[in-house]
Protein backbone atom coordinates (compact mmCIF):
# COMPACT_ATOMS: atom_id res chain seq x y z
CA UNK A 1 -75.63 -18.28 -40.18
CA UNK A 2 -72.50 -16.14 -39.89
CA UNK A 3 -69.12 -17.79 -40.10
CA UNK A 4 -66.76 -17.93 -37.15
CA UNK A 5 -64.23 -15.56 -38.75
CA UNK A 6 -63.58 -12.03 -37.55
CA UNK A 7 -64.90 -10.78 -40.89
CA UNK A 8 -68.37 -12.07 -39.99
CA UNK A 9 -68.62 -9.42 -37.26
CA UNK A 10 -67.66 -6.72 -39.74
CA UNK A 11 -70.19 -8.08 -42.23
CA UNK A 12 -72.91 -7.97 -39.57
CA UNK A 13 -72.05 -4.35 -38.79
CA UNK A 14 -72.29 -3.51 -42.48
CA UNK A 15 -75.79 -4.98 -42.65
CA UNK A 16 -77.18 -1.69 -41.36
CA UNK A 17 -79.28 -2.95 -38.46
CA UNK A 18 -78.49 -2.82 -34.74
CA UNK A 19 -76.86 -5.97 -33.40
CA UNK A 20 -77.70 -7.66 -30.11
CA UNK A 21 -74.76 -8.95 -28.10
CA UNK A 22 -75.77 -11.43 -25.40
CA UNK A 23 -73.85 -11.38 -22.11
CA UNK A 24 -72.48 -14.68 -20.78
CA UNK A 25 -70.55 -14.35 -17.52
CA UNK A 26 -68.71 -17.50 -16.42
CA UNK A 27 -67.79 -15.85 -13.13
CA UNK A 28 -68.83 -16.14 -9.49
CA UNK A 29 -69.06 -12.39 -8.85
CA UNK A 30 -70.52 -10.43 -11.78
CA UNK A 31 -72.88 -7.69 -10.60
CA UNK A 32 -76.11 -9.10 -12.07
CA UNK A 33 -75.70 -12.83 -12.67
CA UNK A 34 -72.56 -13.79 -10.76
CA UNK A 35 -72.32 -17.55 -10.32
CA UNK A 36 -75.43 -18.29 -12.34
CA UNK A 37 -73.45 -19.61 -15.32
CA UNK A 38 -70.19 -20.63 -13.66
CA UNK A 39 -71.09 -24.29 -14.32
CA UNK A 40 -70.06 -25.05 -17.95
CA UNK A 41 -73.27 -26.93 -18.73
CA UNK A 42 -75.38 -24.00 -17.49
CA UNK A 43 -73.24 -21.54 -19.48
CA UNK A 44 -73.57 -23.51 -22.72
CA UNK A 45 -77.32 -23.91 -22.20
CA UNK A 46 -77.64 -20.15 -21.68
CA UNK A 47 -75.66 -19.49 -24.86
CA UNK A 48 -77.97 -21.80 -26.81
CA UNK A 49 -80.95 -19.97 -25.36
CA UNK A 50 -79.59 -16.57 -26.37
CA UNK A 51 -78.82 -17.77 -29.90
CA UNK A 52 -82.35 -19.15 -30.21
CA UNK A 53 -83.69 -15.79 -28.99
CA UNK A 54 -81.84 -13.95 -31.73
CA UNK A 55 -78.48 -12.89 -30.32
CA UNK A 56 -76.10 -11.82 -33.09
CA UNK A 57 -72.98 -12.11 -30.91
CA UNK A 58 -72.25 -13.91 -27.63
CA UNK A 59 -69.88 -12.04 -25.31
CA UNK A 60 -68.12 -14.35 -22.84
CA UNK A 61 -66.29 -13.05 -19.79
CA UNK A 62 -64.40 -15.08 -17.20
CA UNK A 63 -63.27 -12.26 -14.91
CA UNK A 64 -65.77 -9.92 -13.35
CA UNK A 65 -65.25 -6.30 -14.32
CA UNK A 66 -68.31 -5.19 -12.36
CA UNK A 67 -68.55 -1.46 -12.80
CA UNK A 68 -68.99 -0.56 -9.12
CA UNK A 69 -65.99 -2.36 -7.67
CA UNK A 70 -65.71 -5.37 -5.37
CA UNK A 71 -64.75 -7.95 -7.98
CA UNK A 72 -61.84 -10.28 -7.28
CA UNK A 73 -59.04 -10.12 -9.90
CA UNK A 74 -58.07 -13.46 -11.39
CA UNK A 75 -55.00 -14.64 -13.26
CA UNK A 76 -54.89 -15.31 -16.98
CA UNK A 77 -54.58 -19.01 -16.17
CA UNK A 78 -57.76 -18.90 -14.07
CA UNK A 79 -59.65 -17.05 -16.78
CA UNK A 80 -58.61 -19.62 -19.37
CA UNK A 81 -59.56 -22.47 -17.04
CA UNK A 82 -63.08 -21.03 -16.76
CA UNK A 83 -63.30 -20.47 -20.52
CA UNK A 84 -61.88 -23.80 -21.70
CA UNK A 85 -65.01 -25.94 -21.19
CA UNK A 86 -67.33 -23.19 -22.49
CA UNK A 87 -65.93 -20.98 -25.24
CA UNK A 88 -65.19 -23.60 -27.93
CA UNK A 89 -68.66 -25.12 -27.46
CA UNK A 90 -70.32 -21.72 -27.72
CA UNK A 91 -68.26 -20.82 -30.80
CA UNK A 92 -69.54 -24.00 -32.44
CA UNK A 93 -73.13 -22.70 -32.18
CA UNK A 94 -72.52 -20.36 -35.12
CA UNK A 95 -72.85 -16.68 -34.19
CA UNK A 96 -69.57 -14.87 -33.53
CA UNK A 97 -68.15 -15.09 -30.02
CA UNK A 98 -66.62 -12.08 -28.31
CA UNK A 99 -64.08 -12.47 -25.51
CA UNK A 100 -64.49 -9.95 -22.70
CA UNK A 101 -61.02 -9.62 -21.18
CA UNK A 102 -58.39 -7.02 -20.42
CA UNK A 103 -55.54 -9.54 -20.82
CA UNK A 104 -53.93 -10.13 -24.21
CA UNK A 105 -52.86 -13.64 -23.21
CA UNK A 106 -56.48 -14.62 -22.56
CA UNK A 107 -57.60 -12.89 -25.74
CA UNK A 108 -55.01 -14.80 -27.79
CA UNK A 109 -56.13 -18.12 -26.28
CA UNK A 110 -59.76 -17.26 -27.03
CA UNK A 111 -58.98 -16.40 -30.65
CA UNK A 112 -57.23 -19.75 -31.00
CA UNK A 113 -60.36 -21.49 -29.72
CA UNK A 114 -63.07 -19.83 -31.79
CA UNK A 115 -63.53 -16.23 -30.64
CA UNK A 116 -64.02 -13.70 -33.44
CA UNK A 117 -64.10 -10.39 -31.55
CA UNK A 118 -62.09 -8.87 -28.70
CA UNK A 119 -63.79 -6.76 -26.03
CA UNK A 120 -61.27 -4.78 -23.98
CA UNK A 121 -62.86 -2.99 -21.02
CA UNK A 122 -59.74 -0.86 -20.66
CA UNK A 123 -59.70 0.33 -24.25
CA UNK A 124 -56.15 -0.77 -25.18
CA UNK A 125 -54.75 1.17 -22.22
CA UNK A 126 -54.00 -1.58 -19.67
CA UNK A 127 -52.27 -4.37 -21.60
CA UNK A 128 -49.95 -2.91 -24.25
CA UNK A 129 -50.08 -6.17 -26.22
CA UNK A 130 -53.84 -6.00 -26.82
CA UNK A 131 -53.69 -3.57 -29.75
CA UNK A 132 -50.81 -5.45 -31.32
CA UNK A 133 -52.69 -8.74 -30.96
CA UNK A 134 -55.80 -7.36 -32.70
CA UNK A 135 -53.66 -5.90 -35.48
CA UNK A 136 -51.67 -9.11 -35.93
CA UNK A 137 -54.76 -11.32 -36.01
CA UNK A 138 -56.85 -8.89 -38.06
CA UNK A 139 -59.86 -9.16 -35.75
CA UNK A 140 -62.34 -6.50 -34.62
CA UNK A 141 -61.98 -5.08 -31.12
CA UNK A 142 -64.30 -3.17 -28.80
CA UNK A 143 -62.48 -0.27 -27.15
CA UNK A 144 -64.29 0.67 -23.95
CA UNK A 145 -63.88 3.81 -21.85
CA UNK A 146 -63.06 3.19 -18.21
CA UNK A 147 -61.76 4.95 -15.12
CA UNK A 148 -60.33 3.58 -11.88
CA UNK A 149 -63.00 5.50 -9.97
CA UNK A 150 -65.80 7.91 -10.63
CA UNK A 151 -65.21 11.65 -10.24
CA UNK A 152 -68.49 13.57 -10.20
CA UNK A 153 -66.63 16.85 -10.74
CA UNK A 154 -65.38 16.08 -14.26
CA UNK A 155 -66.98 16.54 -17.65
CA UNK A 156 -67.46 12.84 -18.34
CA UNK A 157 -68.12 13.22 -22.06
CA UNK A 158 -64.92 15.22 -22.54
CA UNK A 159 -63.10 12.55 -20.55
CA UNK A 160 -64.49 9.83 -22.83
CA UNK A 161 -63.44 11.79 -25.92
CA UNK A 162 -59.90 12.23 -24.62
CA UNK A 163 -59.72 8.54 -23.66
CA UNK A 164 -60.88 7.42 -27.10
CA UNK A 165 -58.40 9.77 -28.78
CA UNK A 166 -55.59 8.18 -26.76
CA UNK A 167 -56.84 4.66 -27.54
CA UNK A 168 -56.92 5.45 -31.25
CA UNK A 169 -53.34 6.73 -31.05
CA UNK A 170 -52.35 3.40 -29.49
CA UNK A 171 -54.27 1.55 -32.20
CA UNK A 172 -52.58 3.53 -34.96
CA UNK A 173 -49.14 2.89 -33.48
CA UNK A 174 -49.87 -0.85 -33.38
CA UNK A 175 -51.02 -0.90 -36.99
CA UNK A 176 -54.63 -1.59 -36.05
CA UNK A 177 -56.93 -0.52 -38.85
CA UNK A 178 -59.77 1.81 -37.86
CA UNK A 179 -62.22 -0.51 -39.64
CA UNK A 180 -61.55 -3.07 -36.89
CA UNK A 181 -62.54 -0.77 -34.02
CA UNK A 182 -65.85 -0.41 -32.17
CA UNK A 183 -66.12 2.24 -29.43
CA UNK A 184 -67.96 1.63 -26.16
CA UNK A 185 -68.48 4.60 -23.81
CA UNK A 186 -68.57 2.21 -20.84
CA UNK A 187 -71.92 2.91 -19.19
CA UNK A 188 -71.47 2.55 -15.43
CA UNK A 189 -67.71 2.11 -15.53
CA UNK A 190 -65.89 4.86 -13.60
CA UNK A 191 -69.04 6.96 -13.77
CA UNK A 192 -71.69 8.15 -11.37
CA UNK A 193 -75.30 7.31 -12.33
CA UNK A 194 -75.79 10.88 -13.51
CA UNK A 195 -72.65 10.63 -15.65
CA UNK A 196 -73.91 7.38 -17.20
CA UNK A 197 -77.12 9.18 -18.17
CA UNK A 198 -75.11 12.10 -19.55
CA UNK A 199 -73.00 9.65 -21.55
CA UNK A 200 -76.07 8.05 -23.09
CA UNK A 201 -77.43 11.48 -23.95
CA UNK A 202 -74.13 12.33 -25.68
CA UNK A 203 -74.02 9.40 -28.12
CA UNK A 204 -74.54 11.69 -31.14
CA UNK A 205 -71.45 13.63 -30.05
CA UNK A 206 -69.40 10.43 -29.71
CA UNK A 207 -70.53 9.38 -33.19
CA UNK A 208 -68.21 12.11 -34.46
CA UNK A 209 -65.36 9.59 -34.18
CA UNK A 210 -66.89 7.91 -37.22
CA UNK A 211 -66.71 4.43 -35.71
CA UNK A 212 -69.46 1.98 -34.68
CA UNK A 213 -70.70 2.47 -31.12
CA UNK A 214 -71.54 -0.29 -28.65
CA UNK A 215 -73.78 0.49 -25.68
CA UNK A 216 -74.08 -1.79 -22.67
CA UNK A 217 -76.72 -0.27 -20.40
CA UNK A 218 -78.27 -3.58 -19.38
CA UNK A 219 -79.34 -3.66 -15.71
CA UNK A 220 -76.87 -0.89 -14.81
CA UNK A 221 -77.11 1.13 -11.61
CA UNK A 222 -78.18 4.37 -13.30
CA UNK A 223 -81.55 2.71 -13.99
CA UNK A 224 -82.16 2.24 -10.27
CA UNK A 225 -80.99 5.80 -9.71
CA UNK A 226 -83.97 6.94 -11.80
CA UNK A 227 -86.42 4.15 -10.89
CA UNK A 228 -85.30 2.06 -7.87
CA UNK A 229 -85.09 -1.68 -8.57
CA UNK A 230 -82.59 -4.52 -8.06
CA UNK A 231 -80.52 -5.59 -11.11
CA UNK A 232 -82.85 -8.42 -12.19
CA UNK A 233 -85.82 -6.01 -12.23
CA UNK A 234 -84.35 -3.37 -14.52
CA UNK A 235 -85.56 -4.75 -17.86
CA UNK A 236 -87.79 -1.78 -18.61
CA UNK A 237 -85.01 0.70 -18.01
CA UNK A 238 -82.57 -1.41 -20.02
CA UNK A 239 -84.94 -1.51 -23.00
CA UNK A 240 -85.56 2.24 -22.83
CA UNK A 241 -81.84 3.00 -22.74
CA UNK A 242 -81.01 0.65 -25.59
CA UNK A 243 -83.86 1.81 -27.84
CA UNK A 244 -82.78 5.43 -27.42
CA UNK A 245 -79.15 4.42 -27.96
CA UNK A 246 -80.05 2.77 -31.27
CA UNK A 247 -82.03 5.85 -32.32
CA UNK A 248 -78.89 7.88 -31.55
CA UNK A 249 -76.71 5.61 -33.67
CA UNK A 250 -75.56 2.68 -31.56
CA UNK A 251 -74.57 -0.24 -33.79
CA UNK A 252 -74.49 -2.88 -31.02
CA UNK A 253 -76.31 -3.22 -27.71
CA UNK A 254 -74.88 -5.55 -25.08
CA UNK A 255 -77.68 -7.15 -23.04
CA UNK A 256 -78.56 -9.80 -20.48
CA UNK A 257 -82.15 -10.15 -21.74
CA UNK A 258 -81.92 -11.08 -25.41
CA UNK A 259 -85.51 -11.99 -26.34
CA UNK A 260 -87.16 -8.79 -25.02
CA UNK A 261 -84.43 -6.67 -26.62
CA UNK A 262 -84.80 -8.37 -30.00
CA UNK A 263 -88.56 -7.93 -29.81
CA UNK A 264 -88.28 -4.25 -28.87
CA UNK A 265 -85.83 -3.50 -31.68
CA UNK A 266 -87.92 -5.42 -34.21
CA UNK A 267 -91.13 -3.59 -33.29
CA UNK A 268 -89.34 -0.23 -33.30
CA UNK A 269 -87.93 -0.97 -36.76
CA UNK A 270 -91.38 -1.97 -38.07
CA UNK A 271 -92.90 1.30 -36.82
CA UNK A 272 -90.03 3.32 -38.24
CA UNK A 273 -90.31 1.59 -41.61
CA UNK A 274 -94.05 2.28 -41.75
CA UNK A 275 -93.56 6.04 -41.51
């Protein structure tokens, strides 16, 4: 079982197989499972379930960053209050815990209570302390592309590339080593459904940054754009997107449905290895 240090995440990435990050939202308003795991006991039980199903990392978020708007912002104190009865218990399960937050104060609290990975949905560009915190603590950080709103007129892949270039400049200025950085193109965030599909198709181009890529396509709206279904009925589309993402080089997939994803990746690897 991996240790609870930040280095365990790096070691997992070096293992050469795609990692499955299980989503745990302790929020009332997340787009797919809002309120389902707001109760600490339910959240911890879900984390145990995901670990048993094969999750390599558990990603805990206490403020909805739902990609299509409508979420209610919360204070750092409120985020920490939601996390306090959950995060330390989940960290004790063994696999590394990621903290999904855009606030450095929340990230610092989470690191003090067992988190091993930071997941910043604004890619170091909202809270100027986030990059410095990751550098100071020597922990890995996911840098996600985001926009305040979608603009169907732009070249979304060029926008992602420019955003990542700026984030890496911020990281360099803070003394954050490139080996600590994972890039996430932010499927669904500040993007139309067509732009999310274009982003997934462009993963080989984004691999040119030379850093691990994380893809979180689970239950996102672009799936319903192609094949109409409510969020809880988008498993097939989620699996298709994540399998193709892994083929195109994704190192981590962030998912709601751990067991089916682990099974799909395992079967795909067995077929690939038999060739």
